[in-house]
């Protein structure tokens, strides 16, 4: 009887440890969800406003020189890549929030589900999707930066050759240095007969 009582105590201790592990895991998922929501809002603000400012500044300078700019496609590719970065980044945060909410709902319905293979597979599947979006974001950001750098670098070398040089105004016949006193008008005296 004492043996059975010790076994029951061990089972109860194990169940308490299991419940504690479930609660800690649920808390960490909720924390991740909260951080993802914060990052999502920050990303919308920072990337949206930063992209808008950079685009407006670049377009303002480009329009003045549109006739002599070469390799415009690098600029367009760079802009599309920055938009793809923003979009995939936002989707990644949104997916993380959605997956976290699904996990919390499953744990609320059945706390022991975190020990099942189906739960682990579902978790890994969601994390793979988030990882793919994160990789797209990184690759598109790097591609965008390289494209914009190529655009500016190549145009730096070609623009100086194509840009029309301003013509210097014609110099006066008598070159003046510093402040000079103008000569008085010449009046010709009439001839004496």
Protein backbone atom coordinates (compact mmCIF):
# COMPACT_ATOMS: atom_id res chain seq x y z
CA UNK A 1 0.00 0.00 0.00
CA UNK A 2 2.86 2.38 0.78
CA UNK A 3 4.34 1.52 -2.61
CA UNK A 4 1.11 2.44 -4.40
CA UNK A 5 0.88 5.66 -2.45
CA UNK A 6 4.42 6.61 -3.56
CA UNK A 7 3.51 5.84 -7.17
CA UNK A 8 0.39 8.01 -6.91
CA UNK A 9 2.52 10.80 -5.43
CA UNK A 10 5.00 10.49 -8.33
CA UNK A 11 2.15 10.59 -10.85
CA UNK A 12 0.69 13.66 -9.17
CA UNK A 13 4.10 15.37 -9.14
CA UNK A 14 4.57 14.49 -12.81
CA UNK A 15 1.14 15.93 -13.66
CA UNK A 16 1.98 19.13 -11.76
CA UNK A 17 5.28 19.44 -13.62
CA UNK A 18 3.50 18.81 -16.89
CA UNK A 19 0.87 21.45 -16.13
CA UNK A 20 3.61 23.90 -15.11
CA UNK A 21 5.44 23.23 -18.43
CA UNK A 22 2.20 23.83 -20.34
CA UNK A 23 1.56 27.12 -18.57
CA UNK A 24 5.13 28.32 -19.12
CA UNK A 25 4.97 27.38 -22.79
CA UNK A 26 1.64 29.14 -23.23
CA UNK A 27 3.09 32.24 -21.56
CA UNK A 28 6.09 32.24 -23.92
CA UNK A 29 3.80 31.94 -26.95
CA UNK A 30 1.67 34.82 -25.68
CA UNK A 31 4.84 36.88 -25.18
CA UNK A 32 5.96 36.10 -28.75
CA UNK A 33 2.55 37.09 -30.06
CA UNK A 34 2.72 40.39 -28.19
CA UNK A 35 6.19 41.15 -29.51
CA UNK A 36 5.12 40.26 -33.05
CA UNK A 37 2.17 42.59 -32.79
CA UNK A 38 4.46 45.40 -31.61
CA UNK A 39 6.95 44.69 -34.40
CA UNK A 40 4.12 44.59 -36.92
CA UNK A 41 2.95 48.08 -36.00
CA UNK A 42 6.50 49.47 -35.89
CA UNK A 43 7.30 47.93 -39.27
CA UNK A 44 4.25 49.49 -40.87
CA UNK A 45 5.18 52.92 -39.56
CA UNK A 46 8.96 52.86 -40.06
CA UNK A 47 9.13 51.10 -43.40
CA UNK A 48 6.15 52.92 -44.84
CA UNK A 49 7.29 56.40 -43.85
CA UNK A 50 10.96 55.72 -44.59
CA UNK A 51 10.18 54.26 -48.00
CA UNK A 52 7.95 57.18 -48.84
CA UNK A 53 10.56 59.76 -47.86
CA UNK A 54 13.40 58.04 -49.71
CA UNK A 55 11.28 57.56 -52.82
CA UNK A 56 10.14 61.17 -52.88
CA UNK A 57 13.67 62.45 -52.42
CA UNK A 58 15.06 60.21 -55.15
CA UNK A 59 12.25 60.96 -57.58
CA UNK A 60 12.66 64.70 -57.01
CA UNK A 61 16.33 64.51 -58.00
CA UNK A 62 15.78 62.07 -60.87
CA UNK A 63 13.07 64.09 -62.61
CA UNK A 64 15.47 67.01 -63.04
CA UNK A 65 17.94 64.77 -64.87
CA UNK A 66 15.59 62.28 -66.56
CA UNK A 67 17.10 62.82 -70.02
CA UNK A 68 20.65 61.94 -69.01
CA UNK A 69 19.99 59.17 -66.48
CA UNK A 70 20.95 55.67 -67.58
CA UNK A 71 20.15 52.26 -66.10
CA UNK A 72 16.68 53.34 -64.88
CA UNK A 73 15.64 49.71 -64.57
CA UNK A 74 17.99 49.29 -61.57
CA UNK A 75 16.10 52.04 -59.79
CA UNK A 76 12.72 50.49 -60.61
CA UNK A 77 13.92 47.02 -59.52
CA UNK A 78 15.21 48.52 -56.29
CA UNK A 79 11.88 50.20 -55.55
CA UNK A 80 9.96 46.98 -56.25
CA UNK A 81 12.34 45.07 -53.99
CA UNK A 82 11.82 47.55 -51.17
CA UNK A 83 8.06 47.19 -51.56
CA UNK A 84 8.45 43.39 -51.53
CA UNK A 85 10.54 43.70 -48.37
CA UNK A 86 7.86 45.75 -46.69
CA UNK A 87 5.08 43.44 -47.83
CA UNK A 88 6.79 40.16 -46.87
CA UNK A 89 7.89 41.60 -43.55
CA UNK A 90 4.36 42.61 -42.69
CA UNK A 91 2.99 39.24 -43.82
CA UNK A 92 5.57 37.48 -41.64
CA UNK A 93 4.46 39.38 -38.56
CA UNK A 94 0.81 38.79 -39.37
CA UNK A 95 1.44 35.04 -39.85
CA UNK A 96 3.28 34.89 -36.52
CA UNK A 97 0.35 36.52 -34.77
CA UNK A 98 -2.13 34.15 -36.43
CA UNK A 99 -0.08 31.04 -35.59
CA UNK A 100 0.35 32.19 -31.97
CA UNK A 101 -3.40 32.66 -31.61
CA UNK A 102 -4.04 29.17 -33.02
CA UNK A 103 -1.59 27.65 -30.54
CA UNK A 104 -3.12 29.49 -27.59
CA UNK A 105 -6.60 28.36 -28.64
CA UNK A 106 -5.44 24.72 -28.87
CA UNK A 107 -3.79 24.91 -25.45
CA UNK A 108 -6.91 26.50 -23.93
CA UNK A 109 -9.05 23.68 -25.35
CA UNK A 110 -6.69 20.84 -24.43
CA UNK A 111 -3.56 21.69 -22.39
CA UNK A 112 -1.96 18.28 -22.99
CA UNK A 113 -1.99 18.84 -26.76
CA UNK A 114 1.55 20.28 -26.67
CA UNK A 115 2.85 16.76 -26.07
CA UNK A 116 1.19 15.36 -29.20
CA UNK A 117 2.96 14.88 -32.54
CA UNK A 118 0.14 16.61 -34.42
CA UNK A 119 0.70 19.76 -32.36
CA UNK A 120 4.44 19.73 -33.06
CA UNK A 121 3.86 19.20 -36.80
CA UNK A 122 1.37 22.06 -36.91
CA UNK A 123 3.82 24.31 -35.05
CA UNK A 124 6.71 23.41 -37.38
CA UNK A 125 4.51 23.97 -40.44
CA UNK A 126 3.57 27.47 -39.25
CA UNK A 127 7.19 28.28 -38.42
CA UNK A 128 8.30 27.16 -41.90
CA UNK A 129 5.86 29.59 -43.52
CA UNK A 130 7.08 32.42 -41.30
CA UNK A 131 10.69 31.50 -42.08
CA UNK A 132 9.99 31.59 -45.84
CA UNK A 133 8.46 35.07 -45.53
CA UNK A 134 11.44 36.24 -43.47
CA UNK A 135 13.87 34.90 -46.08
CA UNK A 136 11.94 36.65 -48.88
CA UNK A 137 12.14 39.86 -46.87
CA UNK A 138 15.91 39.57 -46.40
CA UNK A 139 16.62 38.61 -50.03
CA UNK A 140 14.43 41.39 -51.42
CA UNK A 141 16.03 43.94 -49.09
CA UNK A 142 19.54 42.93 -50.17
CA UNK A 143 18.51 42.89 -53.84
CA UNK A 144 16.92 46.32 -53.48
CA UNK A 145 20.00 47.80 -51.85
CA UNK A 146 22.29 46.33 -54.52
CA UNK A 147 20.02 47.59 -57.31
CA UNK A 148 19.91 51.12 -55.95
CA UNK A 149 23.68 51.13 -55.36
CA UNK A 150 24.26 49.92 -58.93
CA UNK A 151 21.91 52.59 -60.25
CA UNK A 152 23.71 55.41 -58.47
CA UNK A 153 27.20 54.04 -59.08
CA UNK A 154 26.72 53.51 -62.81
CA UNK A 155 25.02 56.87 -63.22
CA UNK A 156 27.77 58.60 -61.30
CA UNK A 157 30.21 57.63 -64.01
CA UNK A 158 27.93 58.28 -67.00
CA UNK A 159 26.24 61.50 -65.84
CA UNK A 160 29.40 63.59 -65.67
CA UNK A 161 30.09 62.86 -69.36
CA UNK A 162 26.55 63.55 -70.56
CA UNK A 163 25.64 66.54 -68.43
CA UNK A 164 25.75 69.75 -70.46
CA UNK A 165 28.50 72.06 -69.28
CA UNK A 166 27.38 75.62 -68.50
CA UNK A 167 28.80 78.18 -70.89
CA UNK A 168 30.84 80.96 -69.38
CA UNK A 169 29.56 84.47 -70.12
CA UNK A 170 31.76 86.37 -72.60
CA UNK A 171 34.52 88.36 -70.96
CA UNK A 172 34.57 92.12 -71.48
CA UNK A 173 37.23 93.47 -73.81
CA UNK A 174 38.91 95.22 -70.96
CA UNK A 175 39.23 92.97 -68.03
CA UNK A 176 38.58 94.73 -64.79
CA UNK A 177 40.06 93.66 -61.51
CA UNK A 178 38.71 94.85 -58.23
CA UNK A 179 36.86 98.15 -58.12
CA UNK A 180 37.71 100.47 -60.94
CA UNK A 181 36.74 104.01 -61.69
CA UNK A 182 34.97 104.33 -64.95
CA UNK A 183 36.53 106.57 -67.54
CA UNK A 184 34.74 109.82 -68.30
CA UNK A 185 33.04 110.19 -71.64
CA UNK A 186 35.21 111.68 -74.37
CA UNK A 187 33.95 114.86 -75.86
CA UNK A 188 35.61 115.94 -79.08
CA UNK A 189 36.25 119.64 -79.35
CA UNK A 190 35.23 121.33 -82.62
CA UNK A 191 38.02 122.08 -85.09
CA UNK A 192 39.24 125.65 -85.47
CA UNK A 193 39.43 126.96 -88.99
